[in-house]
Protein backbone atom coordinates (compact mmCIF):
# COMPACT_ATOMS: atom_id res chain seq x y z
CA UNK A 1 0.00 0.00 0.00
CA UNK A 2 1.94 2.98 -1.28
CA UNK A 3 1.02 6.28 0.25
CA UNK A 4 0.05 9.12 -2.01
CA UNK A 5 2.49 11.92 -1.34
CA UNK A 6 0.87 15.31 -1.76
CA UNK A 7 3.51 17.69 -0.49
CA UNK A 8 6.99 17.96 0.98
CA UNK A 9 5.70 17.79 4.55
CA UNK A 10 4.33 14.32 3.80
CA UNK A 11 7.62 13.29 2.21
CA UNK A 12 9.49 14.40 5.33
CA UNK A 13 7.06 12.45 7.54
CA UNK A 14 7.47 9.35 5.41
CA UNK A 15 11.27 9.73 5.45
CA UNK A 16 11.25 10.14 9.23
CA UNK A 17 9.06 7.05 9.66
CA UNK A 18 11.29 5.02 7.32
CA UNK A 19 14.41 6.18 9.18
CA UNK A 20 12.79 5.13 12.46
CA UNK A 21 11.85 1.72 11.04
CA UNK A 22 15.37 1.29 9.64
CA UNK A 23 16.85 1.91 13.10
CA UNK A 24 14.46 -0.65 14.62
CA UNK A 25 15.47 -3.26 12.04
CA UNK A 26 19.18 -2.51 12.62
CA UNK A 27 18.66 -2.99 16.37
CA UNK A 28 16.87 -6.32 15.77
CA UNK A 29 19.64 -7.45 13.40
CA UNK A 30 22.30 -6.55 15.99
CA UNK A 31 20.34 -8.41 18.68
CA UNK A 32 19.97 -11.48 16.47
CA UNK A 33 23.63 -11.50 15.43
CA UNK A 34 24.77 -11.13 19.05
CA UNK A 35 22.61 -14.08 20.02
CA UNK A 36 23.73 -16.25 17.09
CA UNK A 37 27.40 -15.30 17.62
CA UNK A 38 27.16 -16.35 21.26
CA UNK A 39 28.62 -19.89 21.52
CA UNK A 40 26.69 -20.49 24.76
CA UNK A 41 23.36 -19.76 23.08
CA UNK A 42 24.15 -21.78 19.96
CA UNK A 43 25.46 -24.80 21.87
CA UNK A 44 22.79 -24.84 24.60
CA UNK A 45 19.63 -23.68 22.84
CA UNK A 46 17.40 -26.24 21.08
CA UNK A 47 18.08 -26.43 17.32
CA UNK A 48 14.55 -25.12 16.60
CA UNK A 49 15.25 -21.98 18.66
CA UNK A 50 18.54 -21.37 16.83
CA UNK A 51 16.77 -21.88 13.48
CA UNK A 52 13.99 -19.51 14.55
CA UNK A 53 16.56 -16.82 15.41
CA UNK A 54 18.32 -17.36 12.06
CA UNK A 55 14.99 -17.01 10.24
CA UNK A 56 14.11 -13.87 12.21
CA UNK A 57 17.53 -12.40 11.42
CA UNK A 58 17.04 -13.09 7.70
CA UNK A 59 13.56 -11.49 7.84
CA UNK A 60 14.93 -8.38 9.57
CA UNK A 61 17.73 -8.14 6.99
CA UNK A 62 15.17 -8.39 4.17
CA UNK A 63 12.97 -5.76 5.87
CA UNK A 64 15.98 -3.46 6.27
CA UNK A 65 16.88 -3.76 2.59
CA UNK A 66 13.30 -3.02 1.58
CA UNK A 67 13.10 0.04 3.86
CA UNK A 68 16.44 1.39 2.62
CA UNK A 69 15.29 0.94 -0.99
CA UNK A 70 12.06 2.85 -0.26
CA UNK A 71 13.94 5.66 1.47
CA UNK A 72 16.35 5.96 -1.48
CA UNK A 73 13.46 6.11 -3.97
CA UNK A 74 11.67 8.81 -1.99
CA UNK A 75 14.88 10.78 -1.53
CA UNK A 76 15.47 10.89 -5.29
CA UNK A 77 12.12 12.59 -5.98
């Protein structure tokens, strides 16, 4: 659902929201990487939990890429 951008104020709001979402995704990615890079977690956690964290990390990385792409497109206009 793309938003219809009517004026620069809207563009700035959208950019601010995207920047906020990008920071959230970066924080989640950092959290996930810290967990998955922790030998104690990886060796002690059930395999399903490790897999779940890997999947979540991949999803956050995909979300981040998508958000960055959107921000770049908006910034070019």
